[in-house]
Amino acid sequence: MERYGFCIFCDDIRNEAGGKLSFMGCYNAVMFVPSRLPFVLPKFCIHLHVFSPPTQPYSSVLARCYVPGQEAPFAEEPIDAPPAHEQKKLLDELKENPGSSRYIVVAASLILAPLEIREPGLISVSVVLDNSPYELRLGALRVLTKHS
């Protein structure tokens, strides 16, 4: 079992009754922006999930968002991991039932308002887990101008 994750890129994330989330204006693989750059999106949202086997509990999770034309992260956000006792409880359950495929899940919504797009390229999201020097890539969205 390995750690992995994914993210959803959209225009808005809404909290619904019963703890549900609604994603508005989801992007598939490409975001088209006007040919005149820079272009400012008033709001841009990213919802992410990170999965880790119980044998690798989280000590910390740091989300990073990169935008085209900038090497440094545009945004960094620490994400709360489940308390250590809850993570250990899941590991104990796995020992009792070794055939189960359970993961420790961390999820968060990032709201970037506003987001300036300076050039075509990739908006990408990664996480740094447990203060590792490596980043786990969760996903990317290609940004193209309408004439590209």
N, C-alpha and C. Protein backbone atom coordinates (compact mmCIF):
# COMPACT_ATOMS: atom_id res chain seq x y z
N MET A 1 0.85 -1.18 0.00
CA MET A 1 0.00 0.00 0.00
C MET A 1 0.89 1.24 0.00
N GLU A 2 0.57 2.16 -0.87
CA GLU A 2 1.33 3.39 -0.97
C GLU A 2 0.43 4.59 -0.69
N ARG A 3 1.07 5.69 -0.40
CA ARG A 3 0.34 6.95 -0.26
C ARG A 3 0.01 7.47 -1.66
N TYR A 4 -1.18 8.06 -1.77
CA TYR A 4 -1.57 8.67 -3.04
C TYR A 4 -2.63 9.72 -2.76
N GLY A 5 -3.00 10.46 -3.79
CA GLY A 5 -4.02 11.47 -3.63
C GLY A 5 -4.53 11.97 -4.96
N PHE A 6 -5.52 12.84 -4.90
CA PHE A 6 -6.07 13.46 -6.10
C PHE A 6 -6.67 14.80 -5.71
N CYS A 7 -6.99 15.60 -6.72
CA CYS A 7 -7.65 16.87 -6.44
C CYS A 7 -8.66 17.19 -7.55
N ILE A 8 -9.60 18.03 -7.20
CA ILE A 8 -10.63 18.53 -8.10
C ILE A 8 -10.43 20.03 -8.22
N PHE A 9 -10.37 20.54 -9.46
CA PHE A 9 -10.24 21.97 -9.72
C PHE A 9 -11.60 22.50 -10.14
N CYS A 10 -12.05 23.60 -9.52
CA CYS A 10 -13.37 24.13 -9.85
C CYS A 10 -13.46 25.62 -9.51
N ASP A 11 -14.59 26.21 -9.91
CA ASP A 11 -14.82 27.64 -9.66
C ASP A 11 -15.33 27.92 -8.25
N ASP A 12 -16.04 26.94 -7.65
CA ASP A 12 -16.59 27.17 -6.32
C ASP A 12 -16.86 25.84 -5.64
N ILE A 13 -16.77 25.84 -4.32
CA ILE A 13 -17.11 24.68 -3.50
C ILE A 13 -18.13 25.15 -2.48
N ARG A 14 -19.25 24.45 -2.44
CA ARG A 14 -20.32 24.85 -1.52
C ARG A 14 -20.59 23.74 -0.51
N ASN A 15 -20.77 24.14 0.74
CA ASN A 15 -21.15 23.21 1.79
C ASN A 15 -22.66 23.04 1.76
N GLU A 16 -23.09 21.80 1.68
CA GLU A 16 -24.52 21.49 1.60
C GLU A 16 -24.98 20.85 2.91
N ALA A 17 -26.27 20.70 3.05
CA ALA A 17 -26.84 20.05 4.23
C ALA A 17 -26.33 18.62 4.33
N GLY A 18 -26.17 18.15 5.55
CA GLY A 18 -25.72 16.78 5.76
C GLY A 18 -24.23 16.58 5.55
N GLY A 19 -23.46 17.67 5.51
CA GLY A 19 -22.02 17.56 5.37
C GLY A 19 -21.54 17.30 3.95
N LYS A 20 -22.44 17.41 2.98
CA LYS A 20 -22.05 17.18 1.59
C LYS A 20 -21.38 18.41 1.00
N LEU A 21 -20.58 18.18 -0.03
CA LEU A 21 -19.95 19.27 -0.78
C LEU A 21 -20.46 19.25 -2.20
N SER A 22 -20.66 20.44 -2.78
CA SER A 22 -20.99 20.57 -4.19
C SER A 22 -19.87 21.35 -4.86
N PHE A 23 -19.41 20.81 -5.99
CA PHE A 23 -18.34 21.45 -6.76
C PHE A 23 -18.97 22.10 -7.99
N MET A 24 -18.81 23.41 -8.13
CA MET A 24 -19.39 24.17 -9.23
C MET A 24 -18.32 24.51 -10.26
N GLY A 25 -18.65 24.34 -11.51
CA GLY A 25 -17.73 24.71 -12.59
C GLY A 25 -16.45 23.91 -12.56
N CYS A 26 -16.55 22.58 -12.53
CA CYS A 26 -15.37 21.72 -12.47
C CYS A 26 -14.62 21.74 -13.80
N TYR A 27 -13.31 21.77 -13.71
CA TYR A 27 -12.45 21.71 -14.90
C TYR A 27 -12.06 20.27 -15.14
N ASN A 28 -12.01 19.91 -16.42
CA ASN A 28 -11.68 18.54 -16.78
C ASN A 28 -10.17 18.38 -16.84
N ALA A 29 -9.53 18.81 -17.91
CA ALA A 29 -8.08 18.69 -18.03
C ALA A 29 -7.44 20.00 -18.41
N VAL A 30 -8.27 20.92 -18.95
CA VAL A 30 -7.74 22.18 -19.48
C VAL A 30 -8.63 23.34 -19.04
N MET A 31 -7.99 24.45 -18.70
CA MET A 31 -8.69 25.70 -18.45
C MET A 31 -8.30 26.66 -19.58
N PHE A 32 -9.29 27.17 -20.30
CA PHE A 32 -9.02 28.15 -21.34
C PHE A 32 -9.23 29.54 -20.77
N VAL A 33 -8.23 30.40 -20.97
CA VAL A 33 -8.31 31.79 -20.51
C VAL A 33 -8.18 32.70 -21.72
N PRO A 34 -8.61 33.96 -21.61
CA PRO A 34 -8.47 34.88 -22.74
C PRO A 34 -7.01 35.02 -23.17
N SER A 35 -6.81 35.35 -24.45
CA SER A 35 -5.44 35.45 -24.97
C SER A 35 -4.68 36.63 -24.38
N ARG A 36 -5.41 37.59 -23.83
CA ARG A 36 -4.75 38.74 -23.20
C ARG A 36 -4.42 38.40 -21.76
N LEU A 37 -3.14 38.25 -21.49
CA LEU A 37 -2.68 37.90 -20.14
C LEU A 37 -1.95 39.09 -19.53
N PRO A 38 -1.92 39.28 -18.24
CA PRO A 38 -2.46 38.38 -17.22
C PRO A 38 -3.98 38.42 -17.17
N PHE A 39 -4.53 37.33 -16.63
CA PHE A 39 -5.96 37.17 -16.46
C PHE A 39 -6.21 36.85 -15.00
N VAL A 40 -7.22 37.48 -14.41
CA VAL A 40 -7.50 37.26 -12.99
C VAL A 40 -8.84 36.54 -12.83
N LEU A 41 -8.76 35.39 -12.17
CA LEU A 41 -9.98 34.68 -11.78
C LEU A 41 -10.39 35.21 -10.41
N PRO A 42 -11.62 35.66 -10.24
CA PRO A 42 -12.02 36.19 -8.93
C PRO A 42 -11.97 35.13 -7.84
N LYS A 43 -12.19 33.86 -8.24
CA LYS A 43 -12.16 32.77 -7.27
C LYS A 43 -11.81 31.48 -8.00
N PHE A 44 -10.96 30.68 -7.38
CA PHE A 44 -10.56 29.39 -7.93
C PHE A 44 -10.42 28.44 -6.75
N CYS A 45 -10.97 27.24 -6.87
CA CYS A 45 -11.00 26.32 -5.74
C CYS A 45 -10.36 24.98 -6.11
N ILE A 46 -9.75 24.39 -5.11
CA ILE A 46 -9.13 23.07 -5.25
C ILE A 46 -9.56 22.24 -4.05
N HIS A 47 -10.11 21.07 -4.32
CA HIS A 47 -10.44 20.15 -3.23
C HIS A 47 -9.50 18.97 -3.37
N LEU A 48 -8.84 18.61 -2.26
CA LEU A 48 -7.85 17.53 -2.34
C LEU A 48 -8.13 16.45 -1.32
N HIS A 49 -7.71 15.25 -1.68
CA HIS A 49 -7.75 14.08 -0.81
C HIS A 49 -6.38 13.43 -0.84
N VAL A 50 -5.89 13.01 0.32
CA VAL A 50 -4.64 12.28 0.42
C VAL A 50 -4.93 11.02 1.23
N PHE A 51 -4.44 9.88 0.73
CA PHE A 51 -4.67 8.58 1.36
C PHE A 51 -3.33 7.99 1.80
N SER A 52 -3.29 7.48 3.02
CA SER A 52 -2.08 6.85 3.54
C SER A 52 -2.47 5.56 4.24
N PRO A 53 -1.69 4.49 4.04
CA PRO A 53 -2.00 3.27 4.78
C PRO A 53 -1.81 3.49 6.27
N PRO A 54 -2.54 2.76 7.09
CA PRO A 54 -2.43 2.93 8.55
C PRO A 54 -1.02 2.68 9.08
N THR A 55 -0.23 1.94 8.32
CA THR A 55 1.15 1.68 8.74
C THR A 55 2.04 2.90 8.56
N GLN A 56 1.53 3.94 7.89
CA GLN A 56 2.27 5.20 7.70
C GLN A 56 1.42 6.37 8.19
N PRO A 57 1.24 6.52 9.49
CA PRO A 57 0.40 7.62 9.99
C PRO A 57 1.03 8.98 9.66
N TYR A 58 0.18 9.97 9.56
CA TYR A 58 0.63 11.33 9.28
C TYR A 58 1.12 12.01 10.55
N SER A 59 2.21 12.76 10.43
CA SER A 59 2.56 13.68 11.52
C SER A 59 2.26 15.10 11.07
N SER A 60 2.35 15.36 9.76
CA SER A 60 1.99 16.68 9.23
C SER A 60 1.67 16.57 7.75
N VAL A 61 0.82 17.50 7.29
CA VAL A 61 0.43 17.58 5.87
C VAL A 61 0.47 19.06 5.49
N LEU A 62 1.21 19.37 4.44
CA LEU A 62 1.30 20.75 3.94
C LEU A 62 0.95 20.73 2.46
N ALA A 63 -0.14 21.41 2.09
CA ALA A 63 -0.55 21.49 0.68
C ALA A 63 0.16 22.67 0.02
N ARG A 64 0.57 22.45 -1.23
CA ARG A 64 1.22 23.50 -2.02
C ARG A 64 0.55 23.60 -3.39
N CYS A 65 0.30 24.84 -3.81
CA CYS A 65 -0.29 25.10 -5.11
C CYS A 65 0.68 25.94 -5.93
N TYR A 66 0.94 25.49 -7.15
CA TYR A 66 1.84 26.19 -8.06
C TYR A 66 1.04 26.71 -9.25
N VAL A 67 1.44 27.88 -9.76
CA VAL A 67 0.79 28.45 -10.94
C VAL A 67 1.84 28.69 -12.02
N PRO A 68 1.41 28.74 -13.28
CA PRO A 68 2.37 28.94 -14.37
C PRO A 68 3.18 30.21 -14.18
N GLY A 69 4.46 30.11 -14.46
CA GLY A 69 5.34 31.28 -14.42
C GLY A 69 5.97 31.55 -13.07
N GLN A 70 5.66 30.76 -12.06
CA GLN A 70 6.23 30.95 -10.73
C GLN A 70 6.82 29.63 -10.24
N GLU A 71 8.08 29.65 -9.83
CA GLU A 71 8.70 28.43 -9.32
C GLU A 71 8.29 28.14 -7.88
N ALA A 72 8.13 29.19 -7.10
CA ALA A 72 7.73 29.02 -5.70
C ALA A 72 6.23 28.77 -5.64
N PRO A 73 5.78 28.08 -4.60
CA PRO A 73 4.33 27.86 -4.47
C PRO A 73 3.58 29.19 -4.37
N PHE A 74 2.45 29.25 -5.06
CA PHE A 74 1.57 30.41 -4.98
C PHE A 74 0.87 30.42 -3.62
N ALA A 75 0.56 29.22 -3.13
CA ALA A 75 -0.12 29.09 -1.84
C ALA A 75 0.41 27.86 -1.12
N GLU A 76 0.54 27.97 0.20
CA GLU A 76 0.89 26.85 1.06
C GLU A 76 -0.10 26.84 2.21
N GLU A 77 -0.63 25.67 2.50
CA GLU A 77 -1.65 25.58 3.54
C GLU A 77 -1.43 24.31 4.37
N PRO A 78 -1.19 24.45 5.68
CA PRO A 78 -1.13 23.24 6.51
C PRO A 78 -2.53 22.64 6.63
N ILE A 79 -2.61 21.32 6.53
CA ILE A 79 -3.88 20.61 6.61
C ILE A 79 -3.86 19.77 7.88
N ASP A 80 -4.94 19.82 8.63
CA ASP A 80 -5.02 19.04 9.87
C ASP A 80 -5.12 17.56 9.55
N ALA A 81 -4.21 16.78 10.14
CA ALA A 81 -4.28 15.32 10.04
C ALA A 81 -5.13 14.82 11.20
N PRO A 82 -5.71 13.62 11.05
CA PRO A 82 -6.46 13.06 12.17
C PRO A 82 -5.57 12.93 13.41
N PRO A 83 -6.14 13.05 14.59
CA PRO A 83 -5.33 12.88 15.81
C PRO A 83 -4.62 11.53 15.81
N ALA A 84 -3.46 11.49 16.45
CA ALA A 84 -2.62 10.28 16.47
C ALA A 84 -3.39 9.07 17.01
N HIS A 85 -4.23 9.26 18.04
CA HIS A 85 -4.96 8.12 18.61
C HIS A 85 -5.96 7.53 17.62
N GLU A 86 -6.55 8.37 16.76
CA GLU A 86 -7.47 7.86 15.74
C GLU A 86 -6.73 7.09 14.66
N GLN A 87 -5.53 7.59 14.30
CA GLN A 87 -4.74 6.88 13.31
C GLN A 87 -4.29 5.52 13.84
N LYS A 88 -3.92 5.48 15.13
CA LYS A 88 -3.50 4.22 15.74
C LYS A 88 -4.67 3.24 15.81
N LYS A 89 -5.86 3.75 16.08
CA LYS A 89 -7.05 2.90 16.15
C LYS A 89 -7.28 2.20 14.81
N LEU A 90 -7.07 2.91 13.71
CA LEU A 90 -7.24 2.32 12.39
C LEU A 90 -6.19 1.22 12.15
N LEU A 91 -4.97 1.45 12.62
CA LEU A 91 -3.92 0.44 12.50
C LEU A 91 -4.28 -0.80 13.31
N ASP A 92 -4.82 -0.62 14.52
CA ASP A 92 -5.24 -1.75 15.34
C ASP A 92 -6.36 -2.54 14.65
N GLU A 93 -7.29 -1.83 14.01
CA GLU A 93 -8.37 -2.51 13.28
C GLU A 93 -7.82 -3.31 12.11
N LEU A 94 -6.81 -2.78 11.45
CA LEU A 94 -6.19 -3.47 10.32
C LEU A 94 -5.50 -4.75 10.79
N LYS A 95 -4.88 -4.70 11.97
CA LYS A 95 -4.22 -5.90 12.51
C LYS A 95 -5.25 -6.99 12.82
N GLU A 96 -6.44 -6.59 13.27
CA GLU A 96 -7.50 -7.56 13.57
C GLU A 96 -8.12 -8.14 12.30
N ASN A 97 -8.13 -7.34 11.24
CA ASN A 97 -8.72 -7.78 9.97
C ASN A 97 -7.74 -7.45 8.85
N PRO A 98 -6.70 -8.27 8.66
CA PRO A 98 -5.63 -7.96 7.71
C PRO A 98 -6.09 -7.85 6.25
N GLY A 99 -7.23 -8.40 5.92
CA GLY A 99 -7.70 -8.34 4.53
C GLY A 99 -8.34 -7.03 4.15
N SER A 100 -8.61 -6.17 5.11
CA SER A 100 -9.29 -4.91 4.80
C SER A 100 -8.30 -3.92 4.18
N SER A 101 -8.81 -3.08 3.31
CA SER A 101 -7.95 -2.08 2.67
C SER A 101 -8.37 -0.70 3.15
N ARG A 102 -7.97 -0.37 4.34
CA ARG A 102 -8.33 0.91 4.94
C ARG A 102 -7.20 1.90 4.77
N TYR A 103 -7.57 3.15 4.69
CA TYR A 103 -6.59 4.23 4.58
C TYR A 103 -6.93 5.33 5.58
N ILE A 104 -5.91 6.06 5.97
CA ILE A 104 -6.11 7.29 6.72
C ILE A 104 -6.29 8.37 5.67
N VAL A 105 -7.40 9.09 5.73
CA VAL A 105 -7.73 10.06 4.69
C VAL A 105 -7.67 11.47 5.26
N VAL A 106 -7.01 12.34 4.50
CA VAL A 106 -6.98 13.77 4.81
C VAL A 106 -7.61 14.47 3.61
N ALA A 107 -8.55 15.36 3.87
CA ALA A 107 -9.21 16.10 2.79
C ALA A 107 -9.28 17.58 3.18
N ALA A 108 -9.21 18.43 2.16
CA ALA A 108 -9.28 19.88 2.42
C ALA A 108 -9.71 20.60 1.16
N SER A 109 -10.28 21.77 1.35
CA SER A 109 -10.63 22.65 0.24
C SER A 109 -9.76 23.90 0.33
N LEU A 110 -9.13 24.23 -0.78
CA LEU A 110 -8.34 25.45 -0.88
C LEU A 110 -9.10 26.46 -1.72
N ILE A 111 -9.28 27.65 -1.20
CA ILE A 111 -9.98 28.71 -1.92
C ILE A 111 -8.94 29.79 -2.24
N LEU A 112 -8.69 29.99 -3.52
CA LEU A 112 -7.73 30.99 -3.97
C LEU A 112 -8.52 32.15 -4.56
N ALA A 113 -8.54 33.27 -3.89
CA ALA A 113 -9.34 34.40 -4.35
C ALA A 113 -8.58 35.70 -4.09
N PRO A 114 -8.20 36.39 -5.10
CA PRO A 114 -8.25 36.07 -6.53
C PRO A 114 -7.04 35.22 -6.93
N LEU A 115 -7.07 34.70 -8.16
CA LEU A 115 -5.95 33.95 -8.73
C LEU A 115 -5.56 34.60 -10.04
N GLU A 116 -4.32 35.08 -10.12
CA GLU A 116 -3.82 35.70 -11.34
C GLU A 116 -3.08 34.66 -12.17
N ILE A 117 -3.49 34.55 -13.44
CA ILE A 117 -2.82 33.68 -14.41
C ILE A 117 -1.97 34.59 -15.30
N ARG A 118 -0.65 34.43 -15.21
CA ARG A 118 0.26 35.29 -15.96
C ARG A 118 0.65 34.72 -17.32
N GLU A 119 0.64 33.38 -17.42
CA GLU A 119 1.05 32.74 -18.67
C GLU A 119 0.46 31.34 -18.74
N PRO A 120 0.41 30.76 -19.95
CA PRO A 120 -0.04 29.38 -20.08
C PRO A 120 0.92 28.44 -19.34
N GLY A 121 0.42 27.28 -18.98
CA GLY A 121 1.24 26.30 -18.27
C GLY A 121 0.37 25.42 -17.39
N LEU A 122 0.92 25.00 -16.26
CA LEU A 122 0.19 24.10 -15.37
C LEU A 122 -0.08 24.74 -14.01
N ILE A 123 -1.31 24.60 -13.55
CA ILE A 123 -1.63 24.82 -12.14
C ILE A 123 -1.48 23.44 -11.52
N SER A 124 -0.61 23.28 -10.55
CA SER A 124 -0.40 21.96 -9.97
C SER A 124 -0.51 22.01 -8.45
N VAL A 125 -0.85 20.85 -7.89
CA VAL A 125 -1.03 20.73 -6.45
C VAL A 125 -0.22 19.53 -5.96
N SER A 126 0.49 19.73 -4.86
CA SER A 126 1.23 18.65 -4.23
C SER A 126 1.12 18.81 -2.73
N VAL A 127 1.54 17.78 -2.01
CA VAL A 127 1.58 17.85 -0.56
C VAL A 127 2.94 17.39 -0.07
N VAL A 128 3.36 17.98 1.03
CA VAL A 128 4.55 17.54 1.75
C VAL A 128 4.04 16.81 2.97
N LEU A 129 4.40 15.54 3.08
CA LEU A 129 3.92 14.71 4.18
C LEU A 129 5.04 14.48 5.19
N ASP A 130 4.74 14.72 6.45
CA ASP A 130 5.66 14.42 7.55
C ASP A 130 7.00 15.14 7.40
N ASN A 131 6.96 16.37 6.90
CA ASN A 131 8.17 17.19 6.73
C ASN A 131 9.21 16.55 5.81
N SER A 132 8.77 15.71 4.91
CA SER A 132 9.66 15.06 3.95
C SER A 132 10.24 16.10 3.00
N PRO A 133 11.42 15.86 2.43
CA PRO A 133 11.95 16.78 1.43
C PRO A 133 11.26 16.59 0.07
N TYR A 134 10.42 15.57 -0.06
CA TYR A 134 9.76 15.26 -1.32
C TYR A 134 8.30 15.69 -1.29
N GLU A 135 7.78 15.99 -2.46
CA GLU A 135 6.38 16.36 -2.60
C GLU A 135 5.63 15.23 -3.30
N LEU A 136 4.44 14.93 -2.81
CA LEU A 136 3.56 13.97 -3.46
C LEU A 136 2.63 14.76 -4.38
N ARG A 137 2.73 14.52 -5.67
CA ARG A 137 1.90 15.25 -6.64
C ARG A 137 0.48 14.70 -6.63
N LEU A 138 -0.49 15.61 -6.56
CA LEU A 138 -1.89 15.20 -6.52
C LEU A 138 -2.61 15.43 -7.83
N GLY A 139 -2.19 16.42 -8.60
CA GLY A 139 -2.86 16.70 -9.86
C GLY A 139 -2.42 18.01 -10.45
N ALA A 140 -2.81 18.19 -11.72
CA ALA A 140 -2.47 19.42 -12.43
C ALA A 140 -3.57 19.76 -13.43
N LEU A 141 -3.69 21.03 -13.72
CA LEU A 141 -4.65 21.54 -14.67
C LEU A 141 -3.90 22.39 -15.68
N ARG A 142 -4.00 22.04 -16.97
CA ARG A 142 -3.31 22.81 -18.00
C ARG A 142 -4.07 24.10 -18.28
N VAL A 143 -3.36 25.21 -18.34
CA VAL A 143 -3.93 26.52 -18.67
C VAL A 143 -3.48 26.88 -20.08
N LEU A 144 -4.47 27.12 -20.96
CA LEU A 144 -4.18 27.52 -22.33
C LEU A 144 -4.94 28.80 -22.66
N THR A 145 -4.35 29.63 -23.50
CA THR A 145 -5.07 30.79 -23.99
C THR A 145 -6.00 30.33 -25.11
N LYS A 146 -7.05 31.06 -25.36
CA LYS A 146 -8.06 30.65 -26.35
C LYS A 146 -7.49 30.52 -27.75
N HIS A 147 -6.39 31.20 -28.06
CA HIS A 147 -5.80 31.07 -29.39
C HIS A 147 -4.75 29.98 -29.48
N SER A 148 -4.42 29.32 -28.33
CA SER A 148 -3.38 28.26 -28.34
C SER A 148 -3.85 27.03 -29.08
